[in-house]
PDB file of all heavy atoms in Angstrom:
ATOM      1  N   HIS A   1     -26.628  52.625  75.071  1.00  0.00           N
ATOM      2  CA  HIS A   1     -27.359  53.814  75.482  1.00  0.00           C
ATOM      3  C   HIS A   1     -26.418  54.955  75.843  1.00  0.00           C
ATOM      4  O   HIS A   1     -25.326  54.741  76.348  1.00  0.00           O
ATOM      5  CB  HIS A   1     -28.261  53.489  76.683  1.00  0.00           C
ATOM      6  CG  HIS A   1     -29.410  52.606  76.329  1.00  0.00           C
ATOM      7  ND1 HIS A   1     -29.330  51.231  76.381  1.00  0.00           N
ATOM      8  CD2 HIS A   1     -30.673  52.898  75.913  1.00  0.00           C
ATOM      9  CE1 HIS A   1     -30.493  50.710  76.034  1.00  0.00           C
ATOM     10  NE2 HIS A   1     -31.318  51.692  75.738  1.00  0.00           N
ATOM     11  N   ALA A   2     -26.880  56.153  75.601  1.00  0.00           N
ATOM     12  CA  ALA A   2     -26.061  57.327  75.887  1.00  0.00           C
ATOM     13  C   ALA A   2     -25.825  57.455  77.389  1.00  0.00           C
ATOM     14  O   ALA A   2     -26.685  57.129  78.200  1.00  0.00           O
ATOM     15  CB  ALA A   2     -26.754  58.581  75.358  1.00  0.00           C
ATOM     16  N   ASP A   3     -24.627  57.961  77.729  1.00  0.00           N
ATOM     17  CA  ASP A   3     -24.286  58.123  79.132  1.00  0.00           C
ATOM     18  C   ASP A   3     -25.238  59.053  79.865  1.00  0.00           C
ATOM     19  O   ASP A   3     -25.390  58.978  81.082  1.00  0.00           O
ATOM     20  CB  ASP A   3     -22.854  58.652  79.265  1.00  0.00           C
ATOM     21  CG  ASP A   3     -21.816  57.599  78.913  1.00  0.00           C
ATOM     22  OD1 ASP A   3     -22.172  56.403  78.858  1.00  0.00           O
ATOM     23  OD2 ASP A   3     -20.667  57.982  78.695  1.00  0.00           O
ATOM     24  N   SER A   4     -25.924  59.949  79.130  1.00  0.00           N
ATOM     25  CA  SER A   4     -26.807  60.918  79.768  1.00  0.00           C
ATOM     26  C   SER A   4     -28.000  60.267  80.460  1.00  0.00           C
ATOM     27  O   SER A   4     -28.671  60.892  81.278  1.00  0.00           O
ATOM     28  CB  SER A   4     -27.301  61.932  78.742  1.00  0.00           C
ATOM     29  OG  SER A   4     -28.029  61.276  77.719  1.00  0.00           O
ATOM     30  N   GLN A   5     -28.274  58.999  80.154  1.00  0.00           N
ATOM     31  CA  GLN A   5     -29.384  58.305  80.798  1.00  0.00           C
ATOM     32  C   GLN A   5     -29.041  57.838  82.206  1.00  0.00           C
ATOM     33  O   GLN A   5     -29.929  57.458  82.967  1.00  0.00           O
ATOM     34  CB  GLN A   5     -29.796  57.086  79.973  1.00  0.00           C
ATOM     35  CG  GLN A   5     -30.443  57.430  78.645  1.00  0.00           C
ATOM     36  CD  GLN A   5     -30.944  56.181  77.970  1.00  0.00           C
ATOM     37  OE1 GLN A   5     -30.336  55.707  77.024  1.00  0.00           O
ATOM     38  NE2 GLN A   5     -32.052  55.640  78.465  1.00  0.00           N
ATOM     39  N   TYR A   6     -27.765  57.834  82.555  1.00  0.00           N
ATOM     40  CA  TYR A   6     -27.321  57.235  83.808  1.00  0.00           C
ATOM     41  C   TYR A   6     -26.491  58.230  84.611  1.00  0.00           C
ATOM     42  O   TYR A   6     -25.912  59.158  84.065  1.00  0.00           O
ATOM     43  CB  TYR A   6     -26.479  55.979  83.529  1.00  0.00           C
ATOM     44  CG  TYR A   6     -27.183  54.988  82.632  1.00  0.00           C
ATOM     45  CD1 TYR A   6     -26.850  54.885  81.283  1.00  0.00           C
ATOM     46  CD2 TYR A   6     -28.189  54.168  83.129  1.00  0.00           C
ATOM     47  CE1 TYR A   6     -27.500  53.985  80.457  1.00  0.00           C
ATOM     48  CE2 TYR A   6     -28.843  53.265  82.310  1.00  0.00           C
ATOM     49  CZ  TYR A   6     -28.504  53.176  80.971  1.00  0.00           C
ATOM     50  OH  TYR A   6     -29.150  52.287  80.159  1.00  0.00           O
ATOM     51  N   VAL A   7     -26.432  58.009  85.901  1.00  0.00           N
ATOM     52  CA  VAL A   7     -25.652  58.905  86.763  1.00  0.00           C
ATOM     53  C   VAL A   7     -24.154  58.602  86.679  1.00  0.00           C
ATOM     54  O   VAL A   7     -23.338  59.408  87.111  1.00  0.00           O
ATOM     55  CB  VAL A   7     -26.124  58.823  88.229  1.00  0.00           C
ATOM     56  CG1 VAL A   7     -27.560  59.301  88.346  1.00  0.00           C
ATOM     57  CG2 VAL A   7     -25.979  57.409  88.791  1.00  0.00           C
ATOM     58  N   PHE A   8     -23.784  57.424  86.158  1.00  0.00           N
ATOM     59  CA  PHE A   8     -22.392  57.088  85.862  1.00  0.00           C
ATOM     60  C   PHE A   8     -22.383  56.064  84.746  1.00  0.00           C
ATOM     61  O   PHE A   8     -23.443  55.567  84.341  1.00  0.00           O
ATOM     62  CB  PHE A   8     -21.641  56.564  87.097  1.00  0.00           C
ATOM     63  CG  PHE A   8     -22.340  55.448  87.824  1.00  0.00           C
ATOM     64  CD1 PHE A   8     -22.268  54.130  87.386  1.00  0.00           C
ATOM     65  CD2 PHE A   8     -23.075  55.718  88.969  1.00  0.00           C
ATOM     66  CE1 PHE A   8     -22.900  53.117  88.052  1.00  0.00           C
ATOM     67  CE2 PHE A   8     -23.732  54.702  89.652  1.00  0.00           C
ATOM     68  CZ  PHE A   8     -23.643  53.397  89.192  1.00  0.00           C
ATOM     69  N   SER A   9     -21.216  55.759  84.213  1.00  0.00           N
ATOM     70  CA  SER A   9     -21.120  54.822  83.092  1.00  0.00           C
ATOM     71  C   SER A   9     -21.704  53.463  83.474  1.00  0.00           C
ATOM     72  O   SER A   9     -21.511  52.981  84.590  1.00  0.00           O
ATOM     73  CB  SER A   9     -19.654  54.652  82.677  1.00  0.00           C
ATOM     74  OG  SER A   9     -19.130  55.871  82.213  1.00  0.00           O
ATOM     75  N   VAL A  10     -22.411  52.858  82.529  1.00  0.00           N
ATOM     76  CA  VAL A  10     -23.045  51.566  82.781  1.00  0.00           C
ATOM     77  C   VAL A  10     -21.976  50.499  82.990  1.00  0.00           C
ATOM     78  O   VAL A  10     -21.055  50.355  82.185  1.00  0.00           O
ATOM     79  CB  VAL A  10     -23.935  51.165  81.587  1.00  0.00           C
ATOM     80  CG1 VAL A  10     -24.569  49.801  81.818  1.00  0.00           C
ATOM     81  CG2 VAL A  10     -24.998  52.216  81.352  1.00  0.00           C
ATOM     82  N   PRO A  11     -22.055  49.730  84.097  1.00  0.00           N
ATOM     83  CA  PRO A  11     -21.056  48.677  84.321  1.00  0.00           C
ATOM     84  C   PRO A  11     -21.034  47.679  83.171  1.00  0.00           C
ATOM     85  O   PRO A  11     -22.061  47.374  82.558  1.00  0.00           O
ATOM     86  CB  PRO A  11     -21.525  48.010  85.622  1.00  0.00           C
ATOM     87  CG  PRO A  11     -22.357  49.049  86.297  1.00  0.00           C
ATOM     88  CD  PRO A  11     -23.023  49.815  85.195  1.00  0.00           C
ATOM     89  N   ALA A  12     -19.857  47.160  82.896  1.00  0.00           N
ATOM     90  CA  ALA A  12     -19.712  46.167  81.832  1.00  0.00           C
ATOM     91  C   ALA A  12     -20.398  44.860  82.224  1.00  0.00           C
ATOM     92  O   ALA A  12     -20.543  44.540  83.407  1.00  0.00           O
ATOM     93  CB  ALA A  12     -18.234  45.916  81.554  1.00  0.00           C
ATOM     94  N   LEU A  13     -20.819  44.125  81.226  1.00  0.00           N
ATOM     95  CA  LEU A  13     -21.469  42.838  81.428  1.00  0.00           C
ATOM     96  C   LEU A  13     -20.413  41.734  81.425  1.00  0.00           C
ATOM     97  O   LEU A  13     -19.559  41.680  80.543  1.00  0.00           O
ATOM     98  CB  LEU A  13     -22.483  42.587  80.308  1.00  0.00           C
ATOM     99  CG  LEU A  13     -23.193  41.234  80.287  1.00  0.00           C
ATOM    100  CD1 LEU A  13     -24.109  41.104  81.495  1.00  0.00           C
ATOM    101  CD2 LEU A  13     -24.006  41.094  78.991  1.00  0.00           C
ATOM    102  N   THR A  14     -20.478  40.842  82.412  1.00  0.00           N
ATOM    103  CA  THR A  14     -19.566  39.699  82.461  1.00  0.00           C
ATOM    104  C   THR A  14     -20.086  38.595  81.550  1.00  0.00           C
ATOM    105  O   THR A  14     -21.259  38.225  81.608  1.00  0.00           O
ATOM    106  CB  THR A  14     -19.449  39.166  83.895  1.00  0.00           C
ATOM    107  OG1 THR A  14     -18.911  40.187  84.726  1.00  0.00           O
ATOM    108  CG2 THR A  14     -18.543  37.951  83.949  1.00  0.00           C
ATOM    109  N   THR A  15     -19.211  38.059  80.712  1.00  0.00           N
ATOM    110  CA  THR A  15     -19.578  36.971  79.813  1.00  0.00           C
ATOM    111  C   THR A  15     -18.521  35.876  79.854  1.00  0.00           C
ATOM    112  O   THR A  15     -17.367  36.112  80.213  1.00  0.00           O
ATOM    113  CB  THR A  15     -19.722  37.466  78.358  1.00  0.00           C
ATOM    114  OG1 THR A  15     -18.452  37.931  77.895  1.00  0.00           O
ATOM    115  CG2 THR A  15     -20.739  38.589  78.255  1.00  0.00           C
ATOM    116  N   VAL A  16     -18.954  34.670  79.478  1.00  0.00           N
ATOM    117  CA  VAL A  16     -18.057  33.520  79.375  1.00  0.00           C
ATOM    118  C   VAL A  16     -18.178  32.960  77.965  1.00  0.00           C
ATOM    119  O   VAL A  16     -19.302  32.831  77.440  1.00  0.00           O
ATOM    120  CB  VAL A  16     -18.423  32.441  80.418  1.00  0.00           C
ATOM    121  CG1 VAL A  16     -17.529  31.212  80.269  1.00  0.00           C
ATOM    122  CG2 VAL A  16     -18.313  33.000  81.836  1.00  0.00           C
ATOM    123  N   PRO A  17     -17.064  32.623  77.314  1.00  0.00           N
ATOM    124  CA  PRO A  17     -17.151  32.059  75.969  1.00  0.00           C
ATOM    125  C   PRO A  17     -17.893  30.726  75.939  1.00  0.00           C
ATOM    126  O   PRO A  17     -17.906  29.986  76.934  1.00  0.00           O
ATOM    127  CB  PRO A  17     -15.679  31.865  75.569  1.00  0.00           C
ATOM    128  CG  PRO A  17     -14.896  32.719  76.496  1.00  0.00           C
ATOM    129  CD  PRO A  17     -15.666  32.788  77.771  1.00  0.00           C
ATOM    130  N   VAL A  18     -18.499  30.437  74.829  1.00  0.00           N
ATOM    131  CA  VAL A  18     -19.120  29.138  74.586  1.00  0.00           C
ATOM    132  C   VAL A  18     -18.217  28.366  73.639  1.00  0.00           C
ATOM    133  O   VAL A  18     -17.898  28.851  72.543  1.00  0.00           O
ATOM    134  CB  VAL A  18     -20.527  29.290  73.981  1.00  0.00           C
ATOM    135  CG1 VAL A  18     -21.116  27.924  73.637  1.00  0.00           C
ATOM    136  CG2 VAL A  18     -21.433  30.047  74.952  1.00  0.00           C
ATOM    137  N   GLU A  19     -17.775  27.204  74.056  1.00  0.00           N
ATOM    138  CA  GLU A  19     -16.824  26.432  73.256  1.00  0.00           C
ATOM    139  C   GLU A  19     -17.424  26.081  71.894  1.00  0.00           C
ATOM    140  O   GLU A  19     -18.571  25.646  71.782  1.00  0.00           O
ATOM    141  CB  GLU A  19     -16.420  25.151  73.995  1.00  0.00           C
ATOM    142  CG  GLU A  19     -15.304  24.384  73.319  1.00  0.00           C
ATOM    143  CD  GLU A  19     -14.786  23.260  74.192  1.00  0.00           C
ATOM    144  OE1 GLU A  19     -14.194  23.555  75.245  1.00  0.00           O
ATOM    145  OE2 GLU A  19     -14.981  22.086  73.811  1.00  0.00           O
ATOM    146  N   GLY A  20     -16.612  26.280  70.834  1.00  0.00           N
ATOM    147  CA  GLY A  20     -17.046  25.956  69.483  1.00  0.00           C
ATOM    148  C   GLY A  20     -17.993  26.969  68.875  1.00  0.00           C
ATOM    149  O   GLY A  20     -18.626  26.693  67.854  1.00  0.00           O
ATOM    150  N   SER A  21     -18.102  28.159  69.479  1.00  0.00           N
ATOM    151  CA  SER A  21     -19.044  29.162  69.000  1.00  0.00           C
ATOM    152  C   SER A  21     -18.444  30.547  69.180  1.00  0.00           C
ATOM    153  O   SER A  21     -17.554  30.752  70.012  1.00  0.00           O
ATOM    154  CB  SER A  21     -20.360  29.061  69.785  1.00  0.00           C
ATOM    155  OG  SER A  21     -21.218  30.145  69.499  1.00  0.00           O
ATOM    156  N   ASP A  22     -18.931  31.499  68.416  1.00  0.00           N
ATOM    157  CA  ASP A  22     -18.535  32.880  68.641  1.00  0.00           C
ATOM    158  C   ASP A  22     -19.523  33.591  69.561  1.00  0.00           C
ATOM    159  O   ASP A  22     -19.405  34.779  69.820  1.00  0.00           O
ATOM    160  CB  ASP A  22     -18.405  33.644  67.320  1.00  0.00           C
ATOM    161  CG  ASP A  22     -19.704  33.662  66.511  1.00  0.00           C
ATOM    162  OD1 ASP A  22     -20.708  33.047  66.957  1.00  0.00           O
ATOM    163  OD2 ASP A  22     -19.713  34.282  65.445  1.00  0.00           O
ATOM    164  N   LYS A  23     -20.492  32.842  70.079  1.00  0.00           N
ATOM    165  CA  LYS A  23     -21.470  33.390  71.011  1.00  0.00           C
ATOM    166  C   LYS A  23     -20.869  33.461  72.414  1.00  0.00           C
ATOM    167  O   LYS A  23     -19.962  32.704  72.772  1.00  0.00           O
ATOM    168  CB  LYS A  23     -22.725  32.527  71.049  1.00  0.00           C
ATOM    169  CG  LYS A  23     -23.436  32.393  69.706  1.00  0.00           C
ATOM    170  CD  LYS A  23     -24.065  33.714  69.278  1.00  0.00           C
ATOM    171  CE  LYS A  23     -24.917  33.527  68.029  1.00  0.00           C
ATOM    172  NZ  LYS A  23     -25.517  34.800  67.584  1.00  0.00           N
ATOM    173  N   LEU A  24     -21.413  34.363  73.235  1.00  0.00           N
ATOM    174  CA  LEU A  24     -20.975  34.523  74.617  1.00  0.00           C
ATOM    175  C   LEU A  24     -22.147  34.250  75.555  1.00  0.00           C
ATOM    176  O   LEU A  24     -23.302  34.548  75.239  1.00  0.00           O
ATOM    177  CB  LEU A  24     -20.449  35.944  74.847  1.00  0.00           C
ATOM    178  CG  LEU A  24     -19.220  36.354  74.032  1.00  0.00           C
ATOM    179  CD1 LEU A  24     -18.951  37.851  74.207  1.00  0.00           C
ATOM    180  CD2 LEU A  24     -18.001  35.545  74.451  1.00  0.00           C
ATOM    181  N   PHE A  25     -21.825  33.702  76.714  1.00  0.00           N
ATOM    182  CA  PHE A  25     -22.814  33.405  77.744  1.00  0.00           C
ATOM    183  C   PHE A  25     -22.797  34.537  78.764  1.00  0.00           C
ATOM    184  O   PHE A  25     -21.816  34.725  79.478  1.00  0.00           O
ATOM    185  CB  PHE A  25     -22.472  32.077  78.422  1.00  0.00           C
ATOM    186  CG  PHE A  25     -23.464  31.609  79.453  1.00  0.00           C
ATOM    187  CD1 PHE A  25     -24.505  30.765  79.104  1.00  0.00           C
ATOM    188  CD2 PHE A  25     -23.349  32.008  80.785  1.00  0.00           C
ATOM    189  CE1 PHE A  25     -25.421  30.326  80.058  1.00  0.00           C
ATOM    190  CE2 PHE A  25     -24.256  31.573  81.738  1.00  0.00           C
ATOM    191  CZ  PHE A  25     -25.292  30.731  81.384  1.00  0.00           C
ATOM    192  N   PRO A  26     -23.861  35.352  78.838  1.00  0.00           N
ATOM    193  CA  PRO A  26     -23.882  36.458  79.801  1.00  0.00           C
ATOM    194  C   PRO A  26     -24.194  35.931  81.203  1.00  0.00           C
ATOM    195  O   PRO A  26     -25.168  35.202  81.399  1.00  0.00           O
ATOM    196  CB  PRO A  26     -25.004  37.362  79.275  1.00  0.00           C
ATOM    197  CG  PRO A  26     -25.917  36.445  78.544  1.00  0.00           C
ATOM    198  CD  PRO A  26     -25.074  35.324  77.989  1.00  0.00           C
TER     199      PRO A  26
END
């Protein structure tokens, strides 16, 4: 989403890798 929707930049999402996959666990 564009920064104009928020009063400051949206915080990053923390993720953890899933073993044997390219998917991430949020």
